[in-house]
Amino acid sequence: MEKNYSKIKADFGTHIRKLRDSKNYSLRKVASKCNLDNSNISKIENGKFNVQLSTIIELAKGLDEHPSKLLDYDFDLNND
């Protein structure tokens, strides 16, 4: 089960990094626009942080996106 969550966290992090890169935002810029530290954003992008709903909302603020956009990507919940 933990293996599944590790893959999901990694995929989510990759998606967040792509969103950030598409806007040419630095980690610091995102952090300055929300209530997250740039080191935690880096951990999220590297799949090392278990994201909660409040974190998704803060990331959305920092990325100037609707929170639903952060979850709008392909991921496999059944990946073993």
N, C-alpha and C. Protein backbone atom coordinates (compact mmCIF):
# COMPACT_ATOMS: atom_id res chain seq x y z
N MET A 1 0.82 -1.20 0.00
CA MET A 1 0.00 0.00 0.00
C MET A 1 0.86 1.26 0.00
N GLU A 2 1.90 1.30 0.81
CA GLU A 2 2.79 2.48 0.85
C GLU A 2 3.44 2.72 -0.50
N LYS A 3 3.73 1.64 -1.22
CA LYS A 3 4.32 1.77 -2.54
C LYS A 3 3.38 2.56 -3.47
N ASN A 4 2.08 2.27 -3.39
CA ASN A 4 1.09 3.01 -4.19
C ASN A 4 1.14 4.49 -3.87
N TYR A 5 1.15 4.82 -2.58
CA TYR A 5 1.15 6.23 -2.19
C TYR A 5 2.44 6.93 -2.58
N SER A 6 3.54 6.23 -2.55
CA SER A 6 4.81 6.84 -2.98
C SER A 6 4.75 7.23 -4.45
N LYS A 7 4.19 6.37 -5.28
CA LYS A 7 4.06 6.66 -6.71
C LYS A 7 3.09 7.82 -6.94
N ILE A 8 1.99 7.82 -6.21
CA ILE A 8 1.01 8.91 -6.35
C ILE A 8 1.63 10.23 -5.92
N LYS A 9 2.36 10.24 -4.81
CA LYS A 9 3.03 11.47 -4.35
C LYS A 9 4.05 11.95 -5.38
N ALA A 10 4.80 11.01 -5.96
CA ALA A 10 5.80 11.37 -6.97
C ALA A 10 5.12 11.96 -8.21
N ASP A 11 4.04 11.32 -8.66
CA ASP A 11 3.31 11.81 -9.83
C ASP A 11 2.69 13.18 -9.57
N PHE A 12 2.14 13.37 -8.38
CA PHE A 12 1.57 14.66 -8.02
C PHE A 12 2.65 15.73 -8.02
N GLY A 13 3.80 15.41 -7.44
CA GLY A 13 4.92 16.35 -7.41
C GLY A 13 5.39 16.75 -8.80
N THR A 14 5.45 15.77 -9.68
CA THR A 14 5.84 16.06 -11.07
C THR A 14 4.83 16.99 -11.73
N HIS A 15 3.57 16.74 -11.47
CA HIS A 15 2.51 17.59 -12.03
C HIS A 15 2.62 19.02 -11.49
N ILE A 16 2.86 19.16 -10.20
CA ILE A 16 3.00 20.49 -9.60
C ILE A 16 4.20 21.22 -10.18
N ARG A 17 5.32 20.51 -10.34
CA ARG A 17 6.51 21.13 -10.93
C ARG A 17 6.22 21.60 -12.35
N LYS A 18 5.50 20.81 -13.13
CA LYS A 18 5.17 21.20 -14.50
C LYS A 18 4.29 22.45 -14.51
N LEU A 19 3.31 22.50 -13.60
CA LEU A 19 2.47 23.71 -13.51
C LEU A 19 3.33 24.92 -13.17
N ARG A 20 4.21 24.76 -12.20
CA ARG A 20 5.08 25.88 -11.78
C ARG A 20 5.99 26.31 -12.92
N ASP A 21 6.60 25.33 -13.58
CA ASP A 21 7.50 25.64 -14.69
C ASP A 21 6.77 26.32 -15.85
N SER A 22 5.53 25.91 -16.10
CA SER A 22 4.77 26.51 -17.21
C SER A 22 4.50 27.99 -16.98
N LYS A 23 4.53 28.40 -15.72
CA LYS A 23 4.32 29.81 -15.37
C LYS A 23 5.64 30.55 -15.13
N ASN A 24 6.74 29.82 -15.25
CA ASN A 24 8.06 30.38 -14.96
C ASN A 24 8.14 30.94 -13.54
N TYR A 25 7.50 30.27 -12.59
CA TYR A 25 7.53 30.66 -11.20
C TYR A 25 8.66 29.92 -10.48
N SER A 26 9.41 30.62 -9.68
CA SER A 26 10.40 29.98 -8.82
C SER A 26 9.68 29.41 -7.60
N LEU A 27 10.38 28.55 -6.88
CA LEU A 27 9.82 28.04 -5.62
C LEU A 27 9.52 29.20 -4.67
N ARG A 28 10.41 30.16 -4.62
CA ARG A 28 10.21 31.30 -3.73
C ARG A 28 9.00 32.14 -4.12
N LYS A 29 8.78 32.29 -5.43
CA LYS A 29 7.63 33.07 -5.87
C LYS A 29 6.34 32.38 -5.43
N VAL A 30 6.26 31.07 -5.64
CA VAL A 30 5.07 30.33 -5.21
C VAL A 30 4.89 30.48 -3.71
N ALA A 31 5.96 30.30 -2.96
CA ALA A 31 5.90 30.39 -1.50
C ALA A 31 5.45 31.78 -1.05
N SER A 32 5.88 32.81 -1.76
CA SER A 32 5.52 34.18 -1.37
C SER A 32 4.04 34.47 -1.59
N LYS A 33 3.39 33.67 -2.44
CA LYS A 33 1.99 33.89 -2.77
C LYS A 33 1.05 33.01 -1.95
N CYS A 34 1.61 32.17 -1.07
CA CYS A 34 0.77 31.29 -0.28
C CYS A 34 1.42 31.05 1.09
N ASN A 35 0.78 30.23 1.88
CA ASN A 35 1.24 29.96 3.23
C ASN A 35 2.02 28.65 3.30
N LEU A 36 2.98 28.48 2.39
CA LEU A 36 3.86 27.32 2.37
C LEU A 36 5.30 27.78 2.23
N ASP A 37 6.19 27.07 2.85
CA ASP A 37 7.61 27.34 2.75
C ASP A 37 8.15 26.75 1.45
N ASN A 38 9.10 27.45 0.83
CA ASN A 38 9.64 26.94 -0.44
C ASN A 38 10.30 25.57 -0.29
N SER A 39 10.84 25.25 0.88
CA SER A 39 11.43 23.93 1.08
C SER A 39 10.35 22.85 1.10
N ASN A 40 9.17 23.17 1.63
CA ASN A 40 8.07 22.20 1.61
C ASN A 40 7.52 22.02 0.20
N ILE A 41 7.49 23.09 -0.58
CA ILE A 41 7.05 22.98 -1.97
C ILE A 41 8.03 22.09 -2.73
N SER A 42 9.30 22.24 -2.47
CA SER A 42 10.31 21.38 -3.10
C SER A 42 10.09 19.92 -2.70
N LYS A 43 9.79 19.68 -1.43
CA LYS A 43 9.52 18.30 -0.97
C LYS A 43 8.29 17.73 -1.66
N ILE A 44 7.27 18.56 -1.86
CA ILE A 44 6.07 18.11 -2.57
C ILE A 44 6.44 17.72 -4.00
N GLU A 45 7.20 18.58 -4.67
CA GLU A 45 7.59 18.31 -6.06
C GLU A 45 8.45 17.06 -6.18
N ASN A 46 9.15 16.72 -5.12
CA ASN A 46 10.01 15.54 -5.14
C ASN A 46 9.35 14.30 -4.53
N GLY A 47 8.03 14.40 -4.27
CA GLY A 47 7.29 13.26 -3.76
C GLY A 47 7.63 12.86 -2.34
N LYS A 48 8.17 13.79 -1.56
CA LYS A 48 8.63 13.50 -0.20
C LYS A 48 7.71 14.08 0.87
N PHE A 49 6.52 14.53 0.50
CA PHE A 49 5.63 15.23 1.42
C PHE A 49 4.23 14.70 1.22
N ASN A 50 3.58 14.31 2.31
CA ASN A 50 2.20 13.84 2.23
C ASN A 50 1.27 15.04 2.22
N VAL A 51 0.63 15.28 1.12
CA VAL A 51 -0.16 16.49 0.90
C VAL A 51 -1.56 16.35 1.49
N GLN A 52 -1.98 17.37 2.22
CA GLN A 52 -3.34 17.44 2.76
C GLN A 52 -4.15 18.42 1.95
N LEU A 53 -5.44 18.42 2.16
CA LEU A 53 -6.33 19.32 1.44
C LEU A 53 -5.91 20.78 1.63
N SER A 54 -5.56 21.15 2.85
CA SER A 54 -5.13 22.53 3.10
C SER A 54 -3.88 22.88 2.30
N THR A 55 -3.01 21.92 2.11
CA THR A 55 -1.79 22.14 1.31
C THR A 55 -2.15 22.35 -0.15
N ILE A 56 -3.09 21.57 -0.66
CA ILE A 56 -3.52 21.74 -2.06
C ILE A 56 -4.11 23.13 -2.26
N ILE A 57 -4.89 23.58 -1.31
CA ILE A 57 -5.48 24.92 -1.42
C ILE A 57 -4.39 25.99 -1.41
N GLU A 58 -3.41 25.86 -0.54
CA GLU A 58 -2.31 26.84 -0.49
C GLU A 58 -1.48 26.79 -1.77
N LEU A 59 -1.19 25.60 -2.27
CA LEU A 59 -0.45 25.48 -3.54
C LEU A 59 -1.22 26.15 -4.67
N ALA A 60 -2.52 25.95 -4.70
CA ALA A 60 -3.35 26.57 -5.74
C ALA A 60 -3.24 28.09 -5.68
N LYS A 61 -3.26 28.65 -4.48
CA LYS A 61 -3.07 30.10 -4.33
C LYS A 61 -1.71 30.51 -4.89
N GLY A 62 -0.69 29.79 -4.53
CA GLY A 62 0.66 30.13 -4.96
C GLY A 62 0.87 30.00 -6.45
N LEU A 63 0.12 29.09 -7.07
CA LEU A 63 0.26 28.87 -8.51
C LEU A 63 -0.79 29.63 -9.32
N ASP A 64 -1.62 30.42 -8.64
CA ASP A 64 -2.71 31.16 -9.32
C ASP A 64 -3.59 30.22 -10.14
N GLU A 65 -3.97 29.11 -9.53
CA GLU A 65 -4.81 28.11 -10.19
C GLU A 65 -5.96 27.72 -9.27
N HIS A 66 -7.02 27.20 -9.85
CA HIS A 66 -8.10 26.61 -9.05
C HIS A 66 -7.58 25.29 -8.48
N PRO A 67 -7.93 24.95 -7.24
CA PRO A 67 -7.42 23.70 -6.66
C PRO A 67 -7.70 22.46 -7.51
N SER A 68 -8.79 22.45 -8.24
CA SER A 68 -9.10 21.28 -9.07
C SER A 68 -8.04 21.04 -10.15
N LYS A 69 -7.40 22.10 -10.60
CA LYS A 69 -6.35 21.98 -11.63
C LYS A 69 -5.15 21.18 -11.10
N LEU A 70 -4.92 21.25 -9.80
CA LEU A 70 -3.80 20.53 -9.21
C LEU A 70 -4.02 19.03 -9.20
N LEU A 71 -5.28 18.62 -9.28
CA LEU A 71 -5.59 17.19 -9.29
C LEU A 71 -6.01 16.70 -10.67
N ASP A 72 -5.89 17.56 -11.66
CA ASP A 72 -6.30 17.23 -13.02
C ASP A 72 -5.12 16.69 -13.83
N TYR A 73 -4.77 15.45 -13.53
CA TYR A 73 -3.70 14.76 -14.25
C TYR A 73 -3.95 13.27 -14.13
N ASP A 74 -3.32 12.49 -15.00
CA ASP A 74 -3.49 11.04 -14.97
C ASP A 74 -2.63 10.41 -13.91
N PHE A 75 -3.26 9.63 -13.05
CA PHE A 75 -2.52 8.83 -12.09
C PHE A 75 -3.25 7.53 -11.87
N ASP A 76 -2.52 6.51 -11.51
CA ASP A 76 -3.06 5.17 -11.37
C ASP A 76 -3.16 4.83 -9.89
N LEU A 77 -4.38 4.73 -9.39
CA LEU A 77 -4.60 4.39 -7.99
C LEU A 77 -4.31 2.92 -7.69
N ASN A 78 -4.26 2.11 -8.73
CA ASN A 78 -4.07 0.67 -8.55
C ASN A 78 -2.64 0.21 -8.86
N ASN A 79 -1.74 1.14 -9.09
CA ASN A 79 -0.37 0.81 -9.45
C ASN A 79 0.34 0.13 -8.29
N ASP A 80 0.82 -1.09 -8.49
CA ASP A 80 1.54 -1.81 -7.42
C ASP A 80 3.01 -1.73 -7.59
